[in-house]
C-alpha atoms as a PDB file:
ATOM      1  CA  MET A   1     -39.241  72.752 -15.052  1.00  0.00           C
ATOM      2  CA  LYS A   2     -40.430  70.160 -11.838  1.00  0.00           C
ATOM      3  CA  ILE A   3     -39.963  70.609  -8.518  1.00  0.00           C
ATOM      4  CA  ASN A   4     -38.671  66.566  -8.332  1.00  0.00           C
ATOM      5  CA  GLU A   5     -36.684  67.264 -11.207  1.00  0.00           C
ATOM      6  CA  GLY A   6     -33.373  66.472 -10.264  1.00  0.00           C
ATOM      7  CA  VAL A   7     -33.892  65.145  -6.531  1.00  0.00           C
ATOM      8  CA  ASP A   8     -31.706  62.512  -5.337  1.00  0.00           C
ATOM      9  CA  TYR A   9     -33.981  61.556  -1.773  1.00  0.00           C
ATOM     10  CA  MET A  10     -31.798  59.285   0.210  1.00  0.00           C
ATOM     11  CA  CYS A  11     -34.276  57.132   1.657  1.00  0.00           C
ATOM     12  CA  ILE A  12     -36.838  56.051  -1.322  1.00  0.00           C
ATOM     13  CA  ASN A  13     -35.149  53.446  -3.305  1.00  0.00           C
ATOM     14  CA  GLU A  14     -37.737  52.625  -6.040  1.00  0.00           C
ATOM     15  CA  LYS A  15     -35.712  49.253  -7.130  1.00  0.00           C
ATOM     16  CA  LYS A  16     -36.057  46.360  -4.278  1.00  0.00           C
ATOM     17  CA  ASP A  17     -31.617  46.278  -4.024  1.00  0.00           C
ATOM     18  CA  CYS A  18     -31.495  47.627  -1.037  1.00  0.00           C
ATOM     19  CA  ASN A  19     -29.154  50.761  -0.095  1.00  0.00           C
ATOM     20  CA  CYS A  20     -25.253  52.098   0.907  1.00  0.00           C
ATOM     21  CA  ILE A  21     -26.470  51.198   4.202  1.00  0.00           C
ATOM     22  CA  ALA A  22     -26.842  47.578   3.800  1.00  0.00           C
ATOM     23  CA  GLU A  23     -23.816  47.389   1.837  1.00  0.00           C
ATOM     24  CA  ILE A  24     -22.177  48.925   5.224  1.00  0.00           C
ATOM     25  CA  LEU A  25     -23.716  46.874   7.381  1.00  0.00           C
ATOM     26  CA  LYS A  26     -23.179  44.444   5.412  1.00  0.00           C
ATOM     27  CA  VAL A  27     -18.810  45.515   6.266  1.00  0.00           C
ATOM     28  CA  ILE A  28     -19.472  45.284   9.537  1.00  0.00           C
ATOM     29  CA  LEU A  29     -21.375  41.724  10.095  1.00  0.00           C
ATOM     30  CA  ILE A  30     -18.555  39.965   8.198  1.00  0.00           C
ATOM     31  CA  LEU A  31     -15.819  42.106  10.087  1.00  0.00           C
ATOM     32  CA  GLN A  32     -17.646  41.031  13.504  1.00  0.00           C
ATOM     33  CA  GLN A  33     -17.492  37.055  12.048  1.00  0.00           C
ATOM     34  CA  ASN A  34     -13.835  37.219  11.303  1.00  0.00           C
ATOM     35  CA  ALA A  35     -12.265  39.591  14.445  1.00  0.00           C
ATOM     36  CA  CYS A  36      -9.201  39.637  13.321  1.00  0.00           C
ATOM     37  CA  PRO A  37      -7.679  43.104  13.631  1.00  0.00           C
ATOM     38  CA  ASP A  38      -4.181  43.395  11.409  1.00  0.00           C
ATOM     39  CA  GLU A  39      -3.733  46.714   9.372  1.00  0.00           C
ATOM     40  CA  ALA A  40      -2.882  50.720  10.326  1.00  0.00           C
ATOM     41  CA  CYS A  41      -6.336  52.873  11.533  1.00  0.00           C
ATOM     42  CA  LEU A  42      -8.604  54.379   9.628  1.00  0.00           C
ATOM     43  CA  GLU A  43     -11.902  55.957  11.343  1.00  0.00           C
ATOM     44  CA  THR A  44     -14.279  54.527   8.870  1.00  0.00           C
ATOM     45  CA  CYS A  45     -17.238  52.709   9.426  1.00  0.00           C
ATOM     46  CA  ASP A  46     -16.595  50.408   6.168  1.00  0.00           C
ATOM     47  CA  ARG A  47     -12.624  50.237   7.818  1.00  0.00           C
ATOM     48  CA  GLY A  48     -11.422  46.365   6.299  1.00  0.00           C
ATOM     49  CA  PHE A  49     -11.089  45.175  10.042  1.00  0.00           C
ATOM     50  CA  LEU A  50     -12.405  45.924  13.777  1.00  0.00           C
ATOM     51  CA  GLY A  51      -9.960  47.492  16.127  1.00  0.00           C
ATOM     52  CA  CYS A  52      -6.519  49.944  15.654  1.00  0.00           C
ATOM     53  CA  ASN A  53      -3.750  47.085  14.861  1.00  0.00           C
ATOM     54  CA  VAL A  54      -2.726  44.517  15.153  1.00  0.00           C
ATOM     55  CA  ALA A  55      -1.471  45.423  19.377  1.00  0.00           C
ATOM     56  CA  SER A  56      -4.848  46.543  20.135  1.00  0.00           C
ATOM     57  CA  VAL A  57      -7.281  44.312  22.034  1.00  0.00           C
ATOM     58  CA  LYS A  58      -9.361  41.516  20.078  1.00  0.00           C
ATOM     59  CA  CYS A  59     -12.738  43.858  19.141  1.00  0.00           C
ATOM     60  CA  ASN A  60     -15.655  41.707  17.954  1.00  0.00           C
ATOM     61  CA  THR A  61     -17.997  44.725  18.020  1.00  0.00           C
ATOM     62  CA  ARG A  62     -18.440  48.439  16.075  1.00  0.00           C
ATOM     63  CA  PRO A  63     -20.708  50.134  18.113  1.00  0.00           C
ATOM     64  CA  ILE A  64     -23.152  51.916  15.388  1.00  0.00           C
ATOM     65  CA  MET A  65     -26.162  54.294  16.326  1.00  0.00           C
ATOM     66  CA  LEU A  66     -29.169  54.116  14.022  1.00  0.00           C
ATOM     67  CA  PHE A  67     -30.512  57.075  12.261  1.00  0.00           C
ATOM     68  CA  THR A  68     -33.997  57.422  10.687  1.00  0.00           C
ATOM     69  CA  SER A  69     -35.343  60.154   8.347  1.00  0.00           C
ATOM     70  CA  CYS A  70     -38.430  61.157  10.259  1.00  0.00           C
ATOM     71  CA  GLY A  71     -36.044  60.615  14.533  1.00  0.00           C
ATOM     72  CA  ASN A  72     -35.690  65.275  13.905  1.00  0.00           C
ATOM     73  CA  GLY A  73     -31.562  63.826  14.593  1.00  0.00           C
ATOM     74  CA  GLU A  74     -32.115  61.557  17.602  1.00  0.00           C
ATOM     75  CA  PRO A  75     -30.934  58.435  17.152  1.00  0.00           C
ATOM     76  CA  TRP A  76     -33.194  54.787  17.027  1.00  0.00           C
ATOM     77  CA  SER A  77     -33.186  54.184  20.788  1.00  0.00           C
ATOM     78  CA  MET A  78     -34.495  50.396  21.611  1.00  0.00           C
ATOM     79  CA  PRO A  79     -35.306  48.511  25.669  1.00  0.00           C
ATOM     80  CA  ILE A  80     -32.079  47.236  26.955  1.00  0.00           C
ATOM     81  CA  ASN A  81     -34.299  44.294  28.292  1.00  0.00           C
ATOM     82  CA  LYS A  82     -36.896  41.511  26.895  1.00  0.00           C
ATOM     83  CA  ALA A  83     -39.040  42.255  29.593  1.00  0.00           C
ATOM     84  CA  ASP A  84     -40.175  45.966  29.042  1.00  0.00           C
ATOM     85  CA  ASP A  85     -43.178  44.658  26.453  1.00  0.00           C
ATOM     86  CA  ASN A  86     -45.419  47.345  28.248  1.00  0.00           C
ATOM     87  CA  CYS A  87     -45.730  50.024  26.197  1.00  0.00           C
ATOM     88  CA  GLN A  88     -46.410  52.379  28.353  1.00  0.00           C
ATOM     89  CA  ASN A  89     -43.160  51.149  30.434  1.00  0.00           C
ATOM     90  CA  GLN A  90     -40.181  54.455  30.154  1.00  0.00           C
ATOM     91  CA  GLY A  91     -38.057  51.566  31.680  1.00  0.00           C
ATOM     92  CA  PRO A  92     -34.117  51.749  30.075  1.00  0.00           C
ATOM     93  CA  LYS A  93     -33.392  52.385  26.773  1.00  0.00           C
ATOM     94  CA  SER A  94     -30.150  52.917  24.357  1.00  0.00           C
ATOM     95  CA  CYS A  95     -29.633  54.220  21.327  1.00  0.00           C
ATOM     96  CA  VAL A  96     -25.739  51.747  20.771  1.00  0.00           C
ATOM     97  CA  PHE A  97     -26.240  48.326  18.085  1.00  0.00           C
ATOM     98  CA  ARG A  98     -24.368  45.531  17.248  1.00  0.00           C
ATOM     99  CA  ILE A  99     -25.851  43.966  13.774  1.00  0.00           C
ATOM    100  CA  GLU A 100     -26.499  40.836  14.231  1.00  0.00           C
ATOM    101  CA  LYS A 101     -27.709  39.374  10.662  1.00  0.00           C
ATOM    102  CA  LEU A 102     -28.529  41.020   7.303  1.00  0.00           C
ATOM    103  CA  ASP A 103     -30.707  39.897   4.857  1.00  0.00           C
ATOM    104  CA  GLU A 104     -30.716  41.719   1.947  1.00  0.00           C
ATOM    105  CA  CYS A 105     -33.026  45.297   3.231  1.00  0.00           C
ATOM    106  CA  CYS A 106     -34.059  43.497   6.309  1.00  0.00           C
ATOM    107  CA  ALA A 107     -30.964  44.082   9.566  1.00  0.00           C
ATOM    108  CA  THR A 108     -31.270  42.157  12.927  1.00  0.00           C
ATOM    109  CA  PHE A 109     -29.576  44.136  15.667  1.00  0.00           C
ATOM    110  CA  ARG A 110     -29.105  43.510  19.568  1.00  0.00           C
ATOM    111  CA  VAL A 111     -29.100  46.137  21.644  1.00  0.00           C
ATOM    112  CA  LEU A 112     -25.719  46.913  23.171  1.00  0.00           C
ATOM    113  CA  ALA A 113     -26.407  48.735  27.121  1.00  0.00           C
ATOM    114  CA  PRO A 114     -23.801  50.564  29.441  1.00  0.00           C
ATOM    115  CA  ASN A 115     -21.573  48.652  30.513  1.00  0.00           C
ATOM    116  CA  PRO A 116     -22.598  48.526  34.673  1.00  0.00           C
ATOM    117  CA  ASP A 117     -19.244  48.008  35.853  1.00  0.00           C
ATOM    118  CA  SER A 118     -16.930  50.921  35.965  1.00  0.00           C
ATOM    119  CA  CYS A 119     -14.166  49.861  35.828  1.00  0.00           C
ATOM    120  CA  GLU A 120     -14.042  47.751  32.713  1.00  0.00           C
ATOM    121  CA  ALA A 121     -16.261  50.603  31.243  1.00  0.00           C
ATOM    122  CA  THR A 122     -13.208  51.932  29.563  1.00  0.00           C
ATOM    123  CA  THR A 123     -12.144  49.140  28.215  1.00  0.00           C
ATOM    124  CA  ARG A 124     -14.948  47.118  27.044  1.00  0.00           C
ATOM    125  CA  PRO A 125     -18.278  50.257  27.646  1.00  0.00           C
ATOM    126  CA  TYR A 126     -20.999  48.065  26.213  1.00  0.00           C
ATOM    127  CA  VAL A 127     -22.170  44.821  27.351  1.00  0.00           C
ATOM    128  CA  GLU A 128     -25.016  42.231  25.299  1.00  0.00           C
ATOM    129  CA  THR A 129     -28.283  42.294  26.959  1.00  0.00           C
ATOM    130  CA  ASN A 130     -31.074  39.801  25.403  1.00  0.00           C
ATOM    131  CA  SER A 131     -32.786  42.583  23.538  1.00  0.00           C
ATOM    132  CA  PHE A 132     -33.516  41.716  19.724  1.00  0.00           C
ATOM    133  CA  PHE A 133     -35.254  43.806  17.275  1.00  0.00           C
ATOM    134  CA  THR A 134     -35.526  44.148  13.408  1.00  0.00           C
ATOM    135  CA  MET A 135     -35.260  47.210  10.902  1.00  0.00           C
ATOM    136  CA  ASN A 136     -35.813  47.037   6.794  1.00  0.00           C
ATOM    137  CA  LEU A 137     -32.723  49.436   5.949  1.00  0.00           C
ATOM    138  CA  GLU A 138     -34.940  50.947   3.777  1.00  0.00           C
ATOM    139  CA  CYS A 139     -35.333  53.480   6.833  1.00  0.00           C
ATOM    140  CA  VAL A 140     -32.829  54.182   7.827  1.00  0.00           C
ATOM    141  CA  CYS A 141     -31.194  57.306   6.539  1.00  0.00           C
ATOM    142  CA  SER A 142     -27.616  57.091   8.600  1.00  0.00           C
ATOM    143  CA  ILE A 143     -25.528  55.088  10.859  1.00  0.00           C
ATOM    144  CA  ARG A 144     -22.723  56.754  13.137  1.00  0.00           C
ATOM    145  CA  CYS A 145     -19.809  54.052  13.384  1.00  0.00           C
ATOM    146  CA  LEU A 146     -18.498  54.615  16.987  1.00  0.00           C
ATOM    147  CA  PRO A 147     -15.228  52.853  18.281  1.00  0.00           C
ATOM    148  CA  ASP A 148     -14.503  49.416  17.688  1.00  0.00           C
ATOM    149  CA  THR A 149     -14.857  47.129  21.136  1.00  0.00           C
ATOM    150  CA  TYR A 150     -15.221  43.887  23.236  1.00  0.00           C
ATOM    151  CA  VAL A 151     -18.525  42.902  23.769  1.00  0.00           C
ATOM    152  CA  ASP A 152     -18.554  39.757  26.117  1.00  0.00           C
ATOM    153  CA  CYS A 153     -20.675  35.751  24.681  1.00  0.00           C
ATOM    154  CA  VAL A 154     -21.683  37.862  21.580  1.00  0.00           C
END
């Protein structure tokens, strides 16, 4: 018996048709584009609506965290400001993102920052940033969905 026989590698995709992460992100992107909650609350990444129920505050974002195979269990993080272009700069970072675009195995994400307004942070925990990045989804082994929310200016 070969060592690799019968082993299913989640992050290695021999086909060019991507993976289940891309499918979930596609659902999230469509939901964000059509933000309109109208069903009962399910706590899964691919539930068919944003928000918890009809009475909830209108949600337009399903924040996510990304994990790569080489991240040692730590979520992927990116600078919250475009001006942090110096690789030496250890400015503020965030590990919470909003999917903005999906093109097969490439996804563009907006970095979300913690809401600095403590009075608003309980209902709107994140604010938009002008920081974006594109990631090859074949490098992503898992995602974590956070509670749906409303983010201004997205």
